[in-house]
C-alpha atoms as a PDB file:
ATOM      1  CA  MET A   1     114.403-179.271  -5.403  1.00  0.00           C
ATOM      2  CA  GLN A   2     111.762-181.210  -3.866  1.00  0.00           C
ATOM      3  CA  PHE A   3     107.760-181.069  -4.335  1.00  0.00           C
ATOM      4  CA  LYS A   4     107.184-179.461  -1.060  1.00  0.00           C
ATOM      5  CA  ASP A   5     109.109-176.387  -2.806  1.00  0.00           C
ATOM      6  CA  LEU A   6     106.926-175.970  -5.718  1.00  0.00           C
ATOM      7  CA  THR A   7     104.119-173.728  -6.296  1.00  0.00           C
ATOM      8  CA  THR A   8     100.341-175.109  -6.831  1.00  0.00           C
ATOM      9  CA  GLU A   9     101.164-174.118 -10.620  1.00  0.00           C
ATOM     10  CA  GLU A  10     104.865-175.834 -10.770  1.00  0.00           C
ATOM     11  CA  LEU A  11     102.944-178.828  -9.471  1.00  0.00           C
ATOM     12  CA  LYS A  12     100.133-178.772 -11.698  1.00  0.00           C
ATOM     13  CA  GLY A  13     102.707-178.656 -14.864  1.00  0.00           C
ATOM     14  CA  VAL A  14     104.750-181.437 -13.363  1.00  0.00           C
ATOM     15  CA  ILE A  15     101.432-183.638 -13.033  1.00  0.00           C
ATOM     16  CA  ARG A  16     100.554-182.646 -16.597  1.00  0.00           C
ATOM     17  CA  GLU A  17     103.642-183.415 -17.950  1.00  0.00           C
ATOM     18  CA  THR A  18     103.860-186.787 -16.455  1.00  0.00           C
ATOM     19  CA  VAL A  19     100.592-187.562 -17.562  1.00  0.00           C
ATOM     20  CA  ILE A  20     100.891-186.769 -21.089  1.00  0.00           C
ATOM     21  CA  GLU A  21     104.176-188.735 -21.076  1.00  0.00           C
ATOM     22  CA  SER A  22     102.194-191.518 -19.471  1.00  0.00           C
ATOM     23  CA  LEU A  23      99.534-191.686 -21.985  1.00  0.00           C
ATOM     24  CA  GLU A  24     101.828-191.004 -24.650  1.00  0.00           C
ATOM     25  CA  ASP A  25     103.784-194.014 -23.901  1.00  0.00           C
ATOM     26  CA  LEU A  26     100.716-196.286 -23.621  1.00  0.00           C
ATOM     27  CA  LEU A  27      99.389-195.076 -26.790  1.00  0.00           C
ATOM     28  CA  LEU A  28     102.372-195.782 -28.641  1.00  0.00           C
ATOM     29  CA  ASP A  29     102.677-199.181 -27.214  1.00  0.00           C
ATOM     30  CA  ILE A  30      98.836-199.990 -27.967  1.00  0.00           C
ATOM     31  CA  TYR A  31      98.913-198.744 -31.634  1.00  0.00           C
ATOM     32  CA  ALA A  32     102.284-199.469 -32.428  1.00  0.00           C
ATOM     33  CA  GLY A  33     102.330-200.128 -36.157  1.00  0.00           C
ATOM     34  CA  LYS A  34      98.823-198.792 -36.824  1.00  0.00           C
ATOM     35  CA  THR A  35      98.197-195.942 -39.010  1.00  0.00           C
ATOM     36  CA  VAL A  36      95.562-192.823 -38.168  1.00  0.00           C
ATOM     37  CA  LYS A  37      93.739-190.541 -40.954  1.00  0.00           C
ATOM     38  CA  GLU A  38      95.486-187.680 -41.154  1.00  0.00           C
ATOM     39  CA  GLN A  39      92.540-185.738 -40.213  1.00  0.00           C
ATOM     40  CA  PHE A  40      92.216-187.317 -37.310  1.00  0.00           C
ATOM     41  CA  GLN A  41      95.679-186.860 -36.141  1.00  0.00           C
ATOM     42  CA  GLN A  42      95.563-183.223 -36.793  1.00  0.00           C
ATOM     43  CA  GLU A  43      92.601-182.696 -34.688  1.00  0.00           C
ATOM     44  CA  LEU A  44      94.560-184.599 -31.769  1.00  0.00           C
ATOM     45  CA  LEU A  45      97.270-182.347 -32.167  1.00  0.00           C
ATOM     46  CA  ALA A  46      95.194-179.251 -32.156  1.00  0.00           C
ATOM     47  CA  ILE A  47      93.654-180.643 -29.002  1.00  0.00           C
ATOM     48  CA  ARG A  48      96.854-181.226 -27.493  1.00  0.00           C
END
């Protein structure tokens, strides 16, 4: 399948997943070995 064959919603989904994966990779590298308070972690998960 090529990008030109995707619907607008499918393309948005591909972009959304790519951004999420990129941010997760970036944040994992930056904060490797660090801890996050449980409440803050739950708030982030709720937002996601």
